[in-house]
C-alpha cells in the first residue's frame, strides 16, 4: 500500500544565507577552540590555575566551549527559521 509524501519538497531560497551563517558560526567557534588548544600547548601551567569556585581554567574553558556550542546551535536555528519564513513565502 503506497501513499504520497506528507510534505512537498521545494527549493529552499534561504539555503545560501543559511550556509553562510553556518560557516561564520563554525569559524567563530573554531577560533575560540583554537585559543583553548593554544593555551594547552604553549602554557599548560596556565590551565591548572584556579579561576573561580575552586575550578581551574581548563574546566571552565572546556565547559564554556560546550555551552557555547549549544548556544550557537540555538542562534543558528533561530536565524535559519527566520530566513526560511521570510524567503520561502509563496
N, C-alpha and C. Protein backbone atom coordinates (compact mmCIF):
# COMPACT_ATOMS: atom_id res chain seq x y z
N UNK A 1 0.85 -1.18 0.00
CA UNK A 1 0.00 0.00 0.00
C UNK A 1 0.89 1.24 0.00
N UNK A 2 0.79 2.06 -1.00
CA UNK A 2 1.61 3.25 -1.14
C UNK A 2 0.80 4.49 -0.79
N UNK A 3 1.51 5.48 -0.30
CA UNK A 3 0.86 6.76 -0.04
C UNK A 3 1.80 7.88 -0.48
N UNK A 4 1.24 9.05 -0.62
CA UNK A 4 2.03 10.19 -1.08
C UNK A 4 2.82 10.79 0.09
N UNK A 5 3.90 11.51 -0.21
CA UNK A 5 4.67 12.14 0.87
C UNK A 5 3.82 13.16 1.63
N UNK A 6 4.10 13.31 2.89
CA UNK A 6 3.35 14.26 3.71
C UNK A 6 3.73 15.70 3.40
N UNK A 7 4.97 15.93 2.97
CA UNK A 7 5.43 17.27 2.63
C UNK A 7 5.95 17.28 1.20
N UNK A 8 5.66 18.35 0.52
CA UNK A 8 6.21 18.53 -0.81
C UNK A 8 7.55 19.25 -0.65
N UNK A 9 8.61 18.64 -1.15
CA UNK A 9 9.94 19.23 -1.02
C UNK A 9 10.15 20.21 -2.15
N UNK A 10 10.40 21.47 -1.77
CA UNK A 10 10.60 22.52 -2.75
C UNK A 10 11.99 23.11 -2.57
N UNK A 11 12.32 24.04 -3.42
CA UNK A 11 13.61 24.73 -3.33
C UNK A 11 13.62 25.61 -2.10
N UNK A 12 14.71 25.57 -1.35
CA UNK A 12 14.89 26.42 -0.18
C UNK A 12 15.63 27.67 -0.61
N UNK A 13 14.92 28.77 -0.72
CA UNK A 13 15.53 30.03 -1.16
C UNK A 13 16.51 30.59 -0.14
N UNK A 14 16.41 30.15 1.10
CA UNK A 14 17.27 30.66 2.16
C UNK A 14 18.56 29.86 2.30
N UNK A 15 18.72 28.80 1.53
CA UNK A 15 19.87 27.90 1.68
C UNK A 15 21.23 28.61 1.61
N UNK A 16 21.46 29.50 0.66
CA UNK A 16 22.78 30.16 0.62
C UNK A 16 23.07 30.99 1.86
N UNK A 17 22.06 31.71 2.35
CA UNK A 17 22.27 32.54 3.55
C UNK A 17 22.46 31.66 4.78
N UNK A 18 21.73 30.56 4.85
CA UNK A 18 21.89 29.63 5.97
C UNK A 18 23.28 29.02 5.97
N UNK A 19 23.77 28.68 4.79
CA UNK A 19 25.11 28.11 4.67
C UNK A 19 26.16 29.12 5.11
N UNK A 20 25.99 30.38 4.70
CA UNK A 20 26.93 31.44 5.09
C UNK A 20 26.94 31.63 6.60
N UNK A 21 25.76 31.64 7.20
CA UNK A 21 25.67 31.76 8.66
C UNK A 21 26.35 30.59 9.35
N UNK A 22 26.14 29.39 8.84
CA UNK A 22 26.78 28.20 9.41
C UNK A 22 28.29 28.28 9.35
N UNK A 23 28.82 28.76 8.22
CA UNK A 23 30.27 28.89 8.08
C UNK A 23 30.82 29.94 9.04
N UNK A 24 30.11 31.06 9.19
CA UNK A 24 30.55 32.10 10.12
C UNK A 24 30.59 31.58 11.55
N UNK A 25 29.53 30.91 11.97
CA UNK A 25 29.50 30.36 13.33
C UNK A 25 30.58 29.30 13.52
N UNK A 26 30.84 28.50 12.50
CA UNK A 26 31.90 27.49 12.57
C UNK A 26 33.26 28.14 12.75
N UNK A 27 33.52 29.21 11.99
CA UNK A 27 34.81 29.91 12.11
C UNK A 27 34.97 30.53 13.49
N UNK A 28 33.92 31.16 14.00
CA UNK A 28 33.98 31.76 15.35
C UNK A 28 34.30 30.69 16.39
N UNK A 29 33.58 29.57 16.32
CA UNK A 29 33.81 28.50 17.30
C UNK A 29 35.21 27.92 17.15
N UNK A 30 35.65 27.75 15.92
CA UNK A 30 36.99 27.19 15.68
C UNK A 30 38.07 28.09 16.26
N UNK A 31 37.93 29.40 16.11
CA UNK A 31 38.91 30.34 16.67
C UNK A 31 38.94 30.28 18.19
N UNK A 32 37.77 30.20 18.80
CA UNK A 32 37.71 30.12 20.26
C UNK A 32 38.29 28.79 20.74
N UNK A 33 37.99 27.71 20.04
CA UNK A 33 38.55 26.41 20.39
C UNK A 33 40.07 26.39 20.17
N UNK A 34 40.52 27.05 19.11
CA UNK A 34 41.97 27.12 18.84
C UNK A 34 42.67 27.85 19.99
N UNK A 35 42.02 28.84 20.58
CA UNK A 35 42.59 29.51 21.75
C UNK A 35 42.78 28.54 22.90
N UNK A 36 41.81 27.68 23.11
CA UNK A 36 41.90 26.66 24.16
C UNK A 36 43.08 25.72 23.90
N UNK A 37 43.21 25.28 22.66
CA UNK A 37 44.30 24.38 22.29
C UNK A 37 45.65 25.07 22.43
N UNK A 38 45.73 26.32 21.99
CA UNK A 38 47.00 27.05 22.07
C UNK A 38 47.44 27.27 23.51
N UNK A 39 46.50 27.58 24.38
CA UNK A 39 46.87 27.71 25.80
C UNK A 39 47.39 26.38 26.31
N UNK A 40 46.73 25.29 25.96
CA UNK A 40 47.18 23.97 26.39
C UNK A 40 48.55 23.60 25.85
N UNK A 41 48.86 24.04 24.64
CA UNK A 41 50.15 23.71 24.04
C UNK A 41 51.28 24.61 24.52
N UNK A 42 51.00 25.90 24.65
CA UNK A 42 52.07 26.84 24.96
C UNK A 42 52.23 27.12 26.45
N UNK A 43 51.16 27.13 27.19
CA UNK A 43 51.19 27.44 28.63
C UNK A 43 50.32 26.45 29.41
N UNK A 44 50.70 25.19 29.44
CA UNK A 44 49.84 24.21 30.13
C UNK A 44 49.68 24.51 31.63
N UNK A 45 50.66 25.17 32.22
CA UNK A 45 50.54 25.51 33.65
C UNK A 45 49.41 26.51 33.88
N UNK A 46 49.11 27.30 32.86
CA UNK A 46 48.01 28.26 32.96
C UNK A 46 46.67 27.54 33.10
N UNK A 47 46.53 26.40 32.45
CA UNK A 47 45.28 25.64 32.52
C UNK A 47 44.99 25.14 33.94
N UNK A 48 46.03 24.98 34.74
CA UNK A 48 45.84 24.48 36.09
C UNK A 48 45.53 25.55 37.11
N UNK A 49 45.62 26.81 36.72
CA UNK A 49 45.34 27.91 37.66
C UNK A 49 43.86 27.94 38.04
N UNK A 50 43.61 28.14 39.34
CA UNK A 50 42.22 28.28 39.79
C UNK A 50 41.67 29.61 39.34
N UNK A 51 40.45 29.59 38.83
CA UNK A 51 39.83 30.82 38.34
C UNK A 51 38.68 31.26 39.24
N UNK A 52 37.74 30.36 39.46
CA UNK A 52 36.62 30.69 40.34
C UNK A 52 36.01 29.42 40.92
N UNK A 53 35.50 29.55 42.11
CA UNK A 53 34.84 28.45 42.82
C UNK A 53 35.71 27.19 42.90
N UNK A 54 37.02 27.39 42.97
CA UNK A 54 37.94 26.26 43.09
C UNK A 54 38.16 25.48 41.81
N UNK A 55 37.63 25.97 40.69
CA UNK A 55 37.79 25.29 39.41
C UNK A 55 38.91 25.94 38.60
N UNK A 56 39.65 25.10 37.88
CA UNK A 56 40.74 25.65 37.10
C UNK A 56 40.27 26.13 35.73
N UNK A 57 41.16 26.82 35.04
CA UNK A 57 40.82 27.40 33.75
C UNK A 57 40.42 26.33 32.74
N UNK A 58 41.07 25.19 32.76
CA UNK A 58 40.76 24.12 31.80
C UNK A 58 39.30 23.67 31.93
N UNK A 59 38.85 23.49 33.16
CA UNK A 59 37.46 23.05 33.38
C UNK A 59 36.48 24.13 32.93
N UNK A 60 36.71 25.35 33.34
CA UNK A 60 35.79 26.44 33.00
C UNK A 60 35.77 26.69 31.50
N UNK A 61 36.94 26.73 30.87
CA UNK A 61 37.03 26.94 29.42
C UNK A 61 36.36 25.78 28.68
N UNK A 62 36.60 24.56 29.12
CA UNK A 62 36.02 23.39 28.47
C UNK A 62 34.50 23.38 28.55
N UNK A 63 33.97 23.65 29.74
CA UNK A 63 32.52 23.71 29.86
C UNK A 63 31.97 24.90 29.08
N UNK A 64 32.73 25.99 29.05
CA UNK A 64 32.32 27.16 28.27
C UNK A 64 32.19 26.82 26.79
N UNK A 65 33.12 26.00 26.30
CA UNK A 65 33.05 25.57 24.89
C UNK A 65 31.79 24.75 24.62
N UNK A 66 31.45 23.89 25.55
CA UNK A 66 30.24 23.07 25.40
C UNK A 66 29.00 23.95 25.40
N UNK A 67 28.92 24.87 26.35
CA UNK A 67 27.77 25.77 26.43
C UNK A 67 27.71 26.65 25.18
N UNK A 68 28.86 27.14 24.74
CA UNK A 68 28.90 27.97 23.54
C UNK A 68 28.36 27.21 22.33
N UNK A 69 28.72 25.97 22.18
CA UNK A 69 28.23 25.16 21.05
C UNK A 69 26.71 25.04 21.09
N UNK A 70 26.16 24.83 22.27
CA UNK A 70 24.71 24.72 22.42
C UNK A 70 24.04 26.05 22.09
N UNK A 71 24.58 27.14 22.63
CA UNK A 71 24.01 28.47 22.37
C UNK A 71 24.09 28.80 20.88
N UNK A 72 25.21 28.48 20.26
CA UNK A 72 25.35 28.75 18.83
C UNK A 72 24.35 27.92 18.02
N UNK A 73 24.04 26.72 18.47
CA UNK A 73 23.02 25.91 17.82
C UNK A 73 21.66 26.57 17.87
N UNK A 74 21.31 27.13 19.03
CA UNK A 74 20.05 27.84 19.16
C UNK A 74 20.03 29.10 18.28
N UNK A 75 21.14 29.81 18.25
CA UNK A 75 21.25 31.01 17.41
C UNK A 75 21.06 30.63 15.94
N UNK A 76 21.75 29.57 15.52
CA UNK A 76 21.64 29.12 14.13
C UNK A 76 20.20 28.74 13.80
N UNK A 77 19.56 27.99 14.68
CA UNK A 77 18.18 27.58 14.45
C UNK A 77 17.25 28.78 14.36
N UNK A 78 17.41 29.74 15.26
CA UNK A 78 16.55 30.92 15.29
C UNK A 78 16.65 31.70 13.97
N UNK A 79 17.89 32.00 13.58
CA UNK A 79 18.07 32.81 12.37
C UNK A 79 17.72 32.05 11.09
N UNK A 80 17.98 30.75 11.06
CA UNK A 80 17.61 29.96 9.87
C UNK A 80 16.09 29.88 9.73
N UNK A 81 15.40 29.69 10.83
CA UNK A 81 13.93 29.65 10.78
C UNK A 81 13.38 30.99 10.31
N UNK A 82 13.97 32.07 10.82
CA UNK A 82 13.54 33.41 10.42
C UNK A 82 13.77 33.63 8.92
N UNK A 83 14.95 33.22 8.43
CA UNK A 83 15.26 33.36 6.99
C UNK A 83 14.32 32.51 6.13
N UNK A 84 14.05 31.28 6.58
CA UNK A 84 13.16 30.40 5.81
C UNK A 84 11.75 30.99 5.73
N UNK A 85 11.25 31.48 6.85
CA UNK A 85 9.91 32.06 6.86
C UNK A 85 9.82 33.29 5.95
N UNK A 86 10.89 34.07 5.91
CA UNK A 86 10.89 35.30 5.10
C UNK A 86 11.08 34.98 3.62
N UNK A 87 11.99 34.09 3.29
CA UNK A 87 12.39 33.89 1.90
C UNK A 87 11.63 32.79 1.17
N UNK A 88 10.92 31.95 1.90
CA UNK A 88 10.23 30.83 1.26
C UNK A 88 8.71 31.02 1.22
N UNK A 89 8.26 32.27 1.33
CA UNK A 89 6.83 32.54 1.23
C UNK A 89 6.37 32.32 -0.20
N UNK A 90 5.13 31.90 -0.30
CA UNK A 90 4.56 31.67 -1.65
C UNK A 90 3.73 32.84 -2.07
